[in-house]
Amino acid sequence: MIRHTVVFTLKHEAGSSKERDFLEAARQLATIATVEKFEQLRQVSPKCDYTFGFSMEFADQAAYDFYNDHPLHRDFVENRWMKEVSAFQEIDYLPL
């Protein structure tokens, strides 16, 4: 299993319709066949400057690769993520 996580901050004003629209558009990623346990999260630790997080799981590397190369994911990254995210950190985990 691979747990794919990303924490990020948007360029949009907090609570704005643009922020809500981005988060709604991101939910399409959960429809990709190999995505499991998709979550959208609000980051609340004062030790971290990011605002949101996404978390999802994949059965194995092939499932993750399928997601990473999927047209919905590629389109979202190119047309939303790269234009609307101001900063992010991506971390992928394997269970110990």
N, C-alpha and C. Protein backbone atom coordinates (compact mmCIF):
# COMPACT_ATOMS: atom_id res chain seq x y z
N MET A 1 0.84 -1.18 0.00
CA MET A 1 0.00 0.00 0.00
C MET A 1 0.89 1.24 0.00
N ILE A 2 0.48 2.24 -0.76
CA ILE A 2 1.14 3.55 -0.78
C ILE A 2 0.12 4.59 -0.33
N ARG A 3 0.48 5.39 0.64
CA ARG A 3 -0.36 6.53 1.04
C ARG A 3 0.28 7.79 0.44
N HIS A 4 -0.45 8.43 -0.43
CA HIS A 4 -0.01 9.64 -1.11
C HIS A 4 -0.64 10.83 -0.38
N THR A 5 0.18 11.76 0.07
CA THR A 5 -0.31 12.94 0.77
C THR A 5 0.33 14.20 0.20
N VAL A 6 -0.41 15.27 0.28
CA VAL A 6 0.13 16.57 -0.10
C VAL A 6 -0.52 17.62 0.80
N VAL A 7 0.29 18.54 1.31
CA VAL A 7 -0.21 19.70 2.02
C VAL A 7 0.07 20.91 1.14
N PHE A 8 -0.84 21.89 1.18
CA PHE A 8 -0.69 23.00 0.24
C PHE A 8 -1.44 24.24 0.71
N THR A 9 -1.11 25.34 0.07
CA THR A 9 -1.78 26.61 0.27
C THR A 9 -2.20 27.13 -1.11
N LEU A 10 -3.41 27.63 -1.17
CA LEU A 10 -3.92 28.18 -2.42
C LEU A 10 -3.61 29.67 -2.53
N LYS A 11 -3.62 30.15 -3.75
CA LYS A 11 -3.44 31.59 -4.01
C LYS A 11 -4.72 32.37 -3.67
N HIS A 12 -5.83 31.67 -3.55
CA HIS A 12 -7.13 32.30 -3.34
C HIS A 12 -7.34 32.74 -1.90
N GLU A 13 -8.18 33.73 -1.72
CA GLU A 13 -8.54 34.21 -0.40
C GLU A 13 -9.31 33.13 0.36
N ALA A 14 -9.01 32.99 1.64
CA ALA A 14 -9.68 31.99 2.48
C ALA A 14 -11.18 32.20 2.46
N GLY A 15 -11.93 31.12 2.24
CA GLY A 15 -13.37 31.17 2.24
C GLY A 15 -14.00 31.68 0.95
N SER A 16 -13.18 31.98 -0.02
CA SER A 16 -13.69 32.54 -1.28
C SER A 16 -14.35 31.48 -2.15
N SER A 17 -15.11 31.93 -3.12
CA SER A 17 -15.73 31.00 -4.07
C SER A 17 -14.67 30.30 -4.91
N LYS A 18 -13.56 30.96 -5.19
CA LYS A 18 -12.47 30.33 -5.95
C LYS A 18 -11.84 29.19 -5.15
N GLU A 19 -11.69 29.39 -3.85
CA GLU A 19 -11.17 28.33 -2.99
C GLU A 19 -12.13 27.14 -3.00
N ARG A 20 -13.40 27.39 -2.81
CA ARG A 20 -14.41 26.32 -2.81
C ARG A 20 -14.45 25.60 -4.16
N ASP A 21 -14.33 26.35 -5.24
CA ASP A 21 -14.35 25.76 -6.58
C ASP A 21 -13.15 24.84 -6.80
N PHE A 22 -11.99 25.25 -6.34
CA PHE A 22 -10.79 24.41 -6.46
C PHE A 22 -10.99 23.10 -5.70
N LEU A 23 -11.45 23.18 -4.47
CA LEU A 23 -11.63 21.99 -3.66
C LEU A 23 -12.70 21.07 -4.26
N GLU A 24 -13.75 21.64 -4.80
CA GLU A 24 -14.78 20.84 -5.45
C GLU A 24 -14.21 20.14 -6.69
N ALA A 25 -13.44 20.85 -7.48
CA ALA A 25 -12.83 20.27 -8.68
C ALA A 25 -11.87 19.13 -8.32
N ALA A 26 -11.19 19.27 -7.21
CA ALA A 26 -10.23 18.24 -6.78
C ALA A 26 -10.91 16.93 -6.43
N ARG A 27 -12.18 16.98 -6.07
CA ARG A 27 -12.90 15.75 -5.71
C ARG A 27 -13.00 14.78 -6.88
N GLN A 28 -12.83 15.27 -8.10
CA GLN A 28 -12.86 14.38 -9.26
C GLN A 28 -11.73 13.35 -9.21
N LEU A 29 -10.66 13.68 -8.50
CA LEU A 29 -9.53 12.74 -8.40
C LEU A 29 -9.96 11.43 -7.73
N ALA A 30 -10.94 11.51 -6.85
CA ALA A 30 -11.43 10.32 -6.16
C ALA A 30 -12.15 9.36 -7.10
N THR A 31 -12.52 9.83 -8.28
CA THR A 31 -13.23 8.96 -9.23
C THR A 31 -12.28 8.09 -10.05
N ILE A 32 -10.98 8.35 -9.96
CA ILE A 32 -10.01 7.53 -10.69
C ILE A 32 -10.00 6.15 -10.04
N ALA A 33 -10.09 5.13 -10.86
CA ALA A 33 -10.35 3.76 -10.40
C ALA A 33 -9.43 3.26 -9.29
N THR A 34 -8.17 3.63 -9.29
CA THR A 34 -7.23 3.06 -8.31
C THR A 34 -7.11 3.85 -7.02
N VAL A 35 -7.82 4.99 -6.93
CA VAL A 35 -7.76 5.83 -5.72
C VAL A 35 -8.65 5.23 -4.64
N GLU A 36 -8.08 5.07 -3.45
CA GLU A 36 -8.81 4.58 -2.29
C GLU A 36 -8.67 5.60 -1.16
N LYS A 37 -9.69 5.71 -0.34
CA LYS A 37 -9.67 6.53 0.88
C LYS A 37 -9.25 7.98 0.62
N PHE A 38 -9.81 8.59 -0.41
CA PHE A 38 -9.51 9.98 -0.73
C PHE A 38 -10.09 10.88 0.36
N GLU A 39 -9.26 11.80 0.85
CA GLU A 39 -9.71 12.77 1.86
C GLU A 39 -9.20 14.15 1.51
N GLN A 40 -10.04 15.14 1.75
CA GLN A 40 -9.63 16.53 1.73
C GLN A 40 -9.60 16.98 3.18
N LEU A 41 -8.53 17.65 3.57
CA LEU A 41 -8.31 17.98 4.98
C LEU A 41 -7.93 19.45 5.13
N ARG A 42 -8.33 20.03 6.26
CA ARG A 42 -7.87 21.38 6.61
C ARG A 42 -6.76 21.21 7.64
N GLN A 43 -5.62 21.78 7.36
CA GLN A 43 -4.44 21.71 8.21
C GLN A 43 -4.63 22.70 9.36
N VAL A 44 -4.45 22.26 10.62
CA VAL A 44 -4.74 23.13 11.76
C VAL A 44 -3.55 23.34 12.71
N SER A 45 -2.43 22.72 12.44
CA SER A 45 -1.29 22.87 13.35
C SER A 45 -0.64 24.24 13.19
N PRO A 46 -0.37 24.93 14.31
CA PRO A 46 0.32 26.21 14.22
C PRO A 46 1.79 26.05 13.81
N LYS A 47 2.28 24.83 13.77
CA LYS A 47 3.67 24.56 13.39
C LYS A 47 3.84 24.44 11.87
N CYS A 48 2.75 24.54 11.13
CA CYS A 48 2.78 24.33 9.68
C CYS A 48 2.09 25.50 8.98
N ASP A 49 2.70 26.01 7.93
CA ASP A 49 2.15 27.16 7.22
C ASP A 49 1.15 26.80 6.12
N TYR A 50 0.99 25.52 5.81
CA TYR A 50 0.06 25.11 4.75
C TYR A 50 -1.37 25.13 5.28
N THR A 51 -2.33 25.21 4.36
CA THR A 51 -3.74 25.36 4.73
C THR A 51 -4.54 24.08 4.58
N PHE A 52 -4.30 23.32 3.52
CA PHE A 52 -5.09 22.14 3.19
C PHE A 52 -4.21 20.92 3.00
N GLY A 53 -4.85 19.77 3.00
CA GLY A 53 -4.16 18.53 2.67
C GLY A 53 -5.09 17.61 1.90
N PHE A 54 -4.50 16.80 1.04
CA PHE A 54 -5.19 15.69 0.39
C PHE A 54 -4.45 14.43 0.80
N SER A 55 -5.20 13.38 1.02
CA SER A 55 -4.62 12.08 1.34
C SER A 55 -5.40 11.02 0.56
N MET A 56 -4.68 10.04 0.04
CA MET A 56 -5.33 8.93 -0.65
C MET A 56 -4.40 7.73 -0.59
N GLU A 57 -4.96 6.56 -0.82
CA GLU A 57 -4.17 5.34 -0.77
C GLU A 57 -4.28 4.60 -2.09
N PHE A 58 -3.24 3.82 -2.36
CA PHE A 58 -3.16 2.98 -3.55
C PHE A 58 -2.69 1.60 -3.15
N ALA A 59 -3.23 0.60 -3.80
CA ALA A 59 -2.91 -0.79 -3.44
C ALA A 59 -1.43 -1.10 -3.62
N ASP A 60 -0.82 -0.52 -4.65
CA ASP A 60 0.59 -0.81 -4.95
C ASP A 60 1.13 0.24 -5.91
N GLN A 61 2.38 0.07 -6.33
CA GLN A 61 3.02 1.05 -7.22
C GLN A 61 2.29 1.15 -8.56
N ALA A 62 1.83 0.05 -9.08
CA ALA A 62 1.11 0.07 -10.36
C ALA A 62 -0.18 0.90 -10.25
N ALA A 63 -0.88 0.78 -9.13
CA ALA A 63 -2.09 1.57 -8.92
C ALA A 63 -1.77 3.06 -8.82
N TYR A 64 -0.67 3.38 -8.13
CA TYR A 64 -0.24 4.77 -8.02
C TYR A 64 0.16 5.32 -9.39
N ASP A 65 0.91 4.52 -10.16
CA ASP A 65 1.32 4.95 -11.50
C ASP A 65 0.11 5.19 -12.40
N PHE A 66 -0.89 4.32 -12.30
CA PHE A 66 -2.12 4.49 -13.07
C PHE A 66 -2.75 5.84 -12.76
N TYR A 67 -2.86 6.17 -11.48
CA TYR A 67 -3.40 7.47 -11.05
C TYR A 67 -2.55 8.62 -11.57
N ASN A 68 -1.26 8.51 -11.38
CA ASN A 68 -0.36 9.60 -11.73
C ASN A 68 -0.41 9.92 -13.22
N ASP A 69 -0.62 8.89 -14.05
CA ASP A 69 -0.66 9.07 -15.50
C ASP A 69 -2.07 9.25 -16.05
N HIS A 70 -3.08 9.18 -15.20
CA HIS A 70 -4.47 9.25 -15.65
C HIS A 70 -4.78 10.65 -16.20
N PRO A 71 -5.54 10.72 -17.31
CA PRO A 71 -5.87 12.02 -17.91
C PRO A 71 -6.55 13.00 -16.94
N LEU A 72 -7.43 12.53 -16.05
CA LEU A 72 -8.06 13.43 -15.08
C LEU A 72 -7.03 14.06 -14.15
N HIS A 73 -6.09 13.25 -13.66
CA HIS A 73 -5.04 13.76 -12.78
C HIS A 73 -4.14 14.74 -13.52
N ARG A 74 -3.70 14.36 -14.69
CA ARG A 74 -2.80 15.21 -15.47
C ARG A 74 -3.47 16.55 -15.80
N ASP A 75 -4.75 16.52 -16.17
CA ASP A 75 -5.49 17.74 -16.47
C ASP A 75 -5.64 18.62 -15.23
N PHE A 76 -5.97 18.00 -14.09
CA PHE A 76 -6.12 18.76 -12.86
C PHE A 76 -4.80 19.44 -12.48
N VAL A 77 -3.71 18.72 -12.56
CA VAL A 77 -2.40 19.29 -12.21
C VAL A 77 -2.06 20.46 -13.14
N GLU A 78 -2.24 20.25 -14.43
CA GLU A 78 -1.86 21.27 -15.41
C GLU A 78 -2.77 22.50 -15.36
N ASN A 79 -4.07 22.28 -15.25
CA ASN A 79 -5.02 23.38 -15.40
C ASN A 79 -5.53 23.99 -14.10
N ARG A 80 -5.33 23.31 -13.00
CA ARG A 80 -5.78 23.86 -11.71
C ARG A 80 -4.60 24.00 -10.75
N TRP A 81 -3.96 22.87 -10.44
CA TRP A 81 -2.91 22.84 -9.42
C TRP A 81 -1.79 23.85 -9.72
N MET A 82 -1.21 23.78 -10.90
CA MET A 82 -0.06 24.63 -11.24
C MET A 82 -0.43 26.11 -11.25
N LYS A 83 -1.69 26.42 -11.49
CA LYS A 83 -2.13 27.81 -11.58
C LYS A 83 -2.65 28.38 -10.26
N GLU A 84 -3.15 27.50 -9.36
CA GLU A 84 -3.86 28.00 -8.19
C GLU A 84 -3.19 27.70 -6.85
N VAL A 85 -2.18 26.83 -6.85
CA VAL A 85 -1.49 26.48 -5.60
C VAL A 85 -0.23 27.33 -5.49
N SER A 86 -0.06 27.97 -4.33
CA SER A 86 1.10 28.84 -4.14
C SER A 86 2.29 28.10 -3.55
N ALA A 87 2.04 27.06 -2.76
CA ALA A 87 3.12 26.29 -2.14
C ALA A 87 2.58 24.92 -1.73
N PHE A 88 3.45 23.90 -1.78
CA PHE A 88 3.01 22.57 -1.38
C PHE A 88 4.19 21.69 -1.00
N GLN A 89 3.87 20.62 -0.30
CA GLN A 89 4.83 19.56 0.04
C GLN A 89 4.12 18.24 -0.18
N GLU A 90 4.71 17.37 -0.98
CA GLU A 90 4.13 16.07 -1.28
C GLU A 90 4.96 15.00 -0.58
N ILE A 91 4.26 14.05 0.06
CA ILE A 91 4.94 12.94 0.72
C ILE A 91 4.18 11.66 0.42
N ASP A 92 4.90 10.63 0.03
CA ASP A 92 4.32 9.32 -0.21
C ASP A 92 4.91 8.35 0.82
N TYR A 93 4.05 7.55 1.42
CA TYR A 93 4.47 6.65 2.49
C TYR A 93 4.21 5.19 2.12
N LEU A 94 5.08 4.33 2.63
CA LEU A 94 4.87 2.88 2.65
C LEU A 94 4.78 2.47 4.11
N PRO A 95 3.89 1.56 4.45
CA PRO A 95 3.81 1.10 5.84
C PRO A 95 5.10 0.38 6.24
N LEU A 96 5.46 0.50 7.50
CA LEU A 96 6.64 -0.22 8.02
C LEU A 96 6.23 -1.61 8.46
